[in-house]
C-alpha cells in the first residue's frame, strides 16, 4: 500500500504492536477475529463502503464497528475503531489492511513462543515441497471445489508435521485466499514473518546445492547492499545451468548462464 492507505496501515500497526506483545499466545485469537472481519467485509460491499466512506464521520463509523462487533475482544474493537476513523484510498485497502494485521497477530502468537523463525522456515519448505506437485497446487488454489475438502488436503499434508501457526496459515491460504493462489499466499505470509524478525527475504535459485560458506558469503553481500539482515530461501533448480537468480522484494539479480545467453541473443538481434 502507498499514499493515504499506507500511512493509515502503518499507524494501525504502530498502535497494535504493543497490544500484540502484551497479548502473548492470545494474539492468535485476535488474529482469528480480525480474519473473521475480513471475511465479513469481503462478503458485504455495503458494509465495506460504510466503514471506508470518507464523507462519513469517523466517530459514526467507529460506533458501527462497536455495534457490529460487540462480542469481539475489546482490543480488536479498539483497533478497528481507530482504523475506520483513518482515511483509506479505497475500501479494498481497508480490508487488505485488516488482513495484514490478522497475519501480524497470528505470527505474533508464534513469536511469543519463540518459534517465529521456525514458522517462517516451515512456510518456505511447504512451498518448496509443492514445486513438483502441480495437481496438489491446483487443488489447493481451486476455489470451485469445496473449502472443507481443500482444508482437509492441507491437514493431510501438514498435520502433526508443522507448528500449529504454520498449519493455521496454510489452512487460511487455501480456504480464504482472497483471489490469490495458495503458494503465493504462503510466500507472502513468510515475508511478513521475516519482516517481523526485521529481516529481508532473498529468494535464491541455484543450479546446485550451496555450501554453508557460500550462503554465508551471499548473505553478507546482500546485507551490506540492503543495510539489514537477509534471510536466504534457497531453491535448487538444475535447469538454471549455472550462476544464481536472487530476488529481494521487487529487486531481481539474475546472473544465471541462461540469463546471460538470453541477453547476448537480444544484443545480437538488436
Protein backbone atom coordinates (compact mmCIF):
# COMPACT_ATOMS: atom_id res chain seq x y z
CA UNK A 1 0.00 0.00 0.00
CA UNK A 2 1.10 3.51 -0.72
CA UNK A 3 -0.09 7.03 -0.02
CA UNK A 4 -3.01 7.53 2.31
CA UNK A 5 -3.68 3.82 2.84
CA UNK A 6 -0.04 3.05 3.52
CA UNK A 7 0.15 5.73 6.17
CA UNK A 8 -3.09 4.53 7.77
CA UNK A 9 -1.86 0.94 7.90
CA UNK A 10 1.49 1.96 9.34
CA UNK A 11 -0.28 3.95 12.07
CA UNK A 12 -2.53 0.99 12.90
CA UNK A 13 0.47 -1.35 13.09
CA UNK A 14 2.28 1.04 15.41
CA UNK A 15 -0.73 1.12 17.74
CA UNK A 16 -1.27 -2.63 17.57
CA UNK A 17 2.27 -3.88 18.17
CA UNK A 18 2.33 -3.14 21.93
CA UNK A 19 -1.04 -4.89 22.20
CA UNK A 20 0.34 -7.98 20.45
CA UNK A 21 3.44 -8.08 22.63
CA UNK A 22 1.29 -7.94 25.76
CA UNK A 23 -1.20 -10.50 24.41
CA UNK A 24 1.34 -13.31 24.05
CA UNK A 25 -0.34 -16.52 22.90
CA UNK A 26 -3.73 -14.75 22.97
CA UNK A 27 -2.62 -12.91 19.85
CA UNK A 28 -3.77 -15.97 17.91
CA UNK A 29 -7.36 -15.29 18.98
CA UNK A 30 -7.02 -11.65 17.97
CA UNK A 31 -5.83 -12.78 14.56
CA UNK A 32 -8.77 -15.15 14.16
CA UNK A 33 -11.20 -12.35 14.96
CA UNK A 34 -9.54 -9.98 12.50
CA UNK A 35 -9.75 -12.65 9.81
CA UNK A 36 -13.45 -13.09 10.60
CA UNK A 37 -13.92 -9.36 9.98
CA UNK A 38 -12.08 -9.65 6.65
CA UNK A 39 -14.40 -12.44 5.57
CA UNK A 40 -17.48 -10.44 6.57
CA UNK A 41 -16.27 -7.39 4.65
CA UNK A 42 -15.41 -9.48 1.58
CA UNK A 43 -18.99 -10.74 1.56
CA UNK A 44 -20.68 -7.36 2.04
CA UNK A 45 -19.99 -4.47 -0.30
CA UNK A 46 -22.42 -2.28 1.63
CA UNK A 47 -20.52 -2.81 4.87
CA UNK A 48 -17.18 -2.13 3.19
CA UNK A 49 -18.49 1.14 1.82
CA UNK A 50 -19.99 2.14 5.15
CA UNK A 51 -16.71 1.66 7.00
CA UNK A 52 -14.44 3.27 4.41
CA UNK A 53 -16.66 6.17 3.26
CA UNK A 54 -14.51 9.32 3.67
CA UNK A 55 -17.63 11.51 3.81
CA UNK A 56 -18.94 9.68 6.88
CA UNK A 57 -17.83 10.88 10.32
CA UNK A 58 -15.10 8.78 11.91
CA UNK A 59 -16.98 8.51 15.18
CA UNK A 60 -20.05 7.28 13.31
CA UNK A 61 -18.01 4.54 11.65
CA UNK A 62 -16.35 3.62 14.95
CA UNK A 63 -19.81 3.35 16.51
CA UNK A 64 -20.84 0.97 13.75
CA UNK A 65 -17.79 -1.19 14.47
CA UNK A 66 -18.65 -1.35 18.17
CA UNK A 67 -22.26 -2.23 17.41
CA UNK A 68 -21.37 -4.98 14.96
CA UNK A 69 -18.52 -6.50 16.96
CA UNK A 70 -19.89 -6.23 20.47
CA UNK A 71 -18.91 -9.81 21.33
CA UNK A 72 -15.37 -9.49 19.97
CA UNK A 73 -12.29 -8.88 22.06
CA UNK A 74 -12.09 -5.24 23.13
CA UNK A 75 -8.57 -5.00 21.71
CA UNK A 76 -9.86 -5.89 18.26
CA UNK A 77 -12.74 -3.41 18.55
CA UNK A 78 -10.34 -0.64 19.61
CA UNK A 79 -8.02 -1.42 16.71
CA UNK A 80 -10.76 -1.46 14.09
CA UNK A 81 -12.40 1.65 15.52
CA UNK A 82 -9.13 3.50 15.03
CA UNK A 83 -8.72 2.09 11.52
CA UNK A 84 -12.14 3.21 10.28
CA UNK A 85 -11.51 6.70 11.68
CA UNK A 86 -8.47 6.91 9.39
CA UNK A 87 -8.59 7.66 5.68
CA UNK A 88 -8.11 4.89 3.10
CA UNK A 89 -7.58 5.27 -0.62
CA UNK A 90 -10.17 2.57 -1.31
CA UNK A 91 -12.46 0.22 0.54
CA UNK A 92 -10.30 -2.69 -0.66
CA UNK A 93 -7.27 -1.14 1.04
CA UNK A 94 -9.09 -1.08 4.36
CA UNK A 95 -9.90 -4.80 4.09
CA UNK A 96 -6.35 -5.62 2.99
CA UNK A 97 -5.03 -3.67 5.96
CA UNK A 98 -7.19 -5.62 8.38
CA UNK A 99 -5.99 -8.86 6.82
CA UNK A 100 -2.38 -7.79 7.20
CA UNK A 101 -2.94 -7.08 10.89
CA UNK A 102 -4.57 -10.51 11.23
CA UNK A 103 -1.43 -12.09 9.79
CA UNK A 104 0.70 -9.98 12.15
CA UNK A 105 -1.35 -11.15 15.12
CA UNK A 106 -1.13 -14.80 14.11
CA UNK A 107 2.63 -14.59 13.71
CA UNK A 108 2.96 -12.64 16.96
CA UNK A 109 1.49 -15.68 18.72
CA UNK A 110 4.33 -17.77 17.31
CA UNK A 111 6.79 -15.05 18.25
CA UNK A 112 5.58 -15.14 21.86
CA UNK A 113 6.53 -18.85 21.98
CA UNK A 114 9.92 -18.26 20.37
CA UNK A 115 9.04 -20.18 17.19
CA UNK A 116 8.60 -17.37 14.64
CA UNK A 117 11.73 -18.39 12.74
CA UNK A 118 10.51 -21.99 12.70
CA UNK A 119 7.16 -20.92 11.23
CA UNK A 120 8.88 -18.81 8.59
CA UNK A 121 11.08 -21.74 7.61
CA UNK A 122 8.14 -24.17 7.52
CA UNK A 123 6.11 -21.86 5.27
CA UNK A 124 9.00 -21.74 2.82
CA UNK A 125 9.51 -25.51 2.94
CA UNK A 126 5.84 -26.15 2.20
CA UNK A 127 6.11 -24.04 -0.95
CA UNK A 128 9.22 -25.98 -1.98
CA UNK A 129 7.55 -29.35 -1.42
CA UNK A 130 4.76 -28.30 -3.77
CA UNK A 131 7.08 -27.22 -6.59
CA UNK A 132 6.88 -30.62 -8.27
CA UNK A 133 3.26 -31.30 -7.32
CA UNK A 134 1.23 -29.43 -9.90
CA UNK A 135 -2.03 -31.24 -9.17
CA UNK A 136 -1.76 -30.54 -5.45
CA UNK A 137 -1.04 -26.85 -6.10
CA UNK A 138 -4.04 -26.60 -8.38
CA UNK A 139 -6.29 -28.41 -5.92
CA UNK A 140 -5.27 -26.08 -3.08
CA UNK A 141 -5.93 -22.99 -5.22
CA UNK A 142 -9.17 -24.19 -6.86
CA UNK A 143 -11.95 -22.15 -5.29
CA UNK A 144 -14.55 -24.06 -7.29
CA UNK A 145 -14.02 -27.09 -5.04
CA UNK A 146 -15.45 -27.39 -1.53
CA UNK A 147 -13.47 -25.36 1.04
CA UNK A 148 -13.67 -28.19 3.57
CA UNK A 149 -12.07 -30.52 1.05
CA UNK A 150 -9.21 -28.11 0.45
CA UNK A 151 -8.70 -27.70 4.18
CA UNK A 152 -8.66 -31.47 4.60
CA UNK A 153 -5.93 -31.68 1.94
CA UNK A 154 -3.80 -29.18 3.87
CA UNK A 155 -4.34 -31.15 7.06
CA UNK A 156 -3.34 -34.37 5.31
CA UNK A 157 -0.16 -32.75 4.02
CA UNK A 158 0.87 -30.96 7.20
CA UNK A 159 -0.99 -32.49 10.14
CA UNK A 160 1.42 -33.16 13.01
CA UNK A 161 4.42 -32.11 10.91
CA UNK A 162 4.48 -28.35 11.43
CA UNK A 163 3.78 -25.75 14.11
CA UNK A 164 0.07 -25.04 14.69
CA UNK A 165 0.56 -21.47 13.46
CA UNK A 166 2.05 -22.75 10.20
CA UNK A 167 -0.88 -25.11 9.75
CA UNK A 168 -3.42 -22.37 10.55
CA UNK A 169 -1.86 -20.05 7.97
CA UNK A 170 -1.75 -22.83 5.38
CA UNK A 171 -5.43 -23.52 6.02
CA UNK A 172 -6.20 -19.86 5.52
CA UNK A 173 -4.18 -19.78 2.31
CA UNK A 174 -6.43 -22.40 0.75
CA UNK A 175 -9.81 -21.60 2.33
CA UNK A 176 -9.64 -17.78 2.32
CA UNK A 177 -7.05 -16.90 -0.33
CA UNK A 178 -8.99 -13.76 -1.42
CA UNK A 179 -8.20 -14.18 -5.11
CA UNK A 180 -4.61 -15.30 -4.60
CA UNK A 181 -3.19 -18.74 -5.30
CA UNK A 182 -2.01 -20.99 -2.48
CA UNK A 183 1.77 -20.82 -2.94
CA UNK A 184 1.99 -17.01 -3.44
CA UNK A 185 -0.16 -16.57 -0.33
CA UNK A 186 2.18 -18.73 1.76
CA UNK A 187 5.13 -16.82 0.31
CA UNK A 188 3.55 -13.55 1.46
CA UNK A 189 2.97 -14.96 4.94
CA UNK A 190 6.65 -15.92 5.06
CA UNK A 191 7.68 -12.41 4.01
CA UNK A 192 5.57 -10.93 6.81
CA UNK A 193 7.26 -13.31 9.25
CA UNK A 194 10.68 -12.20 8.03
CA UNK A 195 9.63 -8.58 8.35
CA UNK A 196 8.58 -9.20 11.95
CA UNK A 197 12.07 -10.56 12.55
CA UNK A 198 13.37 -7.39 10.86
CA UNK A 199 14.90 -9.40 8.05
CA UNK A 200 14.57 -9.14 4.28
CA UNK A 201 13.87 -12.33 2.35
CA UNK A 202 16.09 -13.22 -0.59
CA UNK A 203 14.63 -15.91 -2.85
CA UNK A 204 17.69 -17.63 -4.31
CA UNK A 205 17.60 -20.13 -7.17
CA UNK A 206 20.81 -22.08 -7.77
CA UNK A 207 21.76 -24.85 -10.16
CA UNK A 208 23.45 -26.78 -7.34
CA UNK A 209 23.25 -27.01 -3.58
CA UNK A 210 25.11 -24.10 -1.98
CA UNK A 211 27.60 -24.80 0.76
CA UNK A 212 27.18 -23.07 4.10
CA UNK A 213 30.23 -20.95 3.33
CA UNK A 214 28.70 -19.83 0.03
CA UNK A 215 25.41 -19.00 1.73
CA UNK A 216 27.23 -17.03 4.43
CA UNK A 217 29.13 -15.03 1.80
CA UNK A 218 25.99 -14.33 -0.20
CA UNK A 219 24.09 -13.25 2.90
CA UNK A 220 26.94 -10.93 3.89
CA UNK A 221 26.96 -9.32 0.40
CA UNK A 222 23.21 -8.77 0.44
CA UNK A 223 23.23 -7.44 4.00
CA UNK A 224 25.87 -4.88 3.02
CA UNK A 225 23.81 -3.90 -0.02
CA UNK A 226 20.50 -3.54 1.80
CA UNK A 227 21.76 -2.44 5.20
CA UNK A 228 19.79 -5.03 7.17
CA UNK A 229 19.83 -8.79 7.86
CA UNK A 230 18.72 -11.01 5.00
CA UNK A 231 17.04 -14.42 5.19
CA UNK A 232 18.10 -16.70 2.31
CA UNK A 233 15.44 -19.06 0.97
CA UNK A 234 17.33 -21.28 -1.46
CA UNK A 235 15.82 -23.46 -4.18
CA UNK A 236 17.88 -25.83 -6.32
CA UNK A 237 16.89 -25.95 -9.99
CA UNK A 238 19.25 -27.86 -12.34
CA UNK A 239 17.66 -26.08 -15.30
CA UNK A 240 19.41 -22.89 -14.22
CA UNK A 241 22.65 -24.41 -15.59
CA UNK A 242 24.91 -22.12 -13.58
CA UNK A 243 25.01 -18.95 -11.55
CA UNK A 244 22.28 -17.62 -9.31
CA UNK A 245 18.95 -15.88 -9.54
CA UNK A 246 18.29 -13.69 -6.50
CA UNK A 247 15.07 -11.83 -5.76
CA UNK A 248 14.71 -9.43 -2.84
CA UNK A 249 11.28 -7.84 -2.93
CA UNK A 250 10.92 -6.21 -6.33
CA UNK A 251 14.68 -6.37 -6.98
CA UNK A 252 15.88 -9.24 -9.17
CA UNK A 253 19.53 -10.08 -9.76
CA UNK A 254 19.79 -12.77 -12.42
CA UNK A 255 23.32 -13.97 -13.10
CA UNK A 256 22.43 -17.39 -14.44
CA UNK A 257 24.02 -18.78 -17.56
CA UNK A 258 20.66 -18.87 -19.31
CA UNK A 259 20.09 -15.23 -18.48
CA UNK A 260 23.46 -14.23 -19.88
CA UNK A 261 22.83 -16.23 -23.08
CA UNK A 262 19.42 -14.64 -23.49
CA UNK A 263 20.96 -11.19 -23.01
CA UNK A 264 23.62 -11.95 -25.60
CA UNK A 265 20.96 -13.11 -28.07
CA UNK A 266 18.98 -9.90 -27.54
CA UNK A 267 22.07 -7.79 -28.20
CA UNK A 268 22.89 -9.76 -31.36
CA UNK A 269 19.31 -9.43 -32.56
CA UNK A 270 19.42 -5.68 -31.91
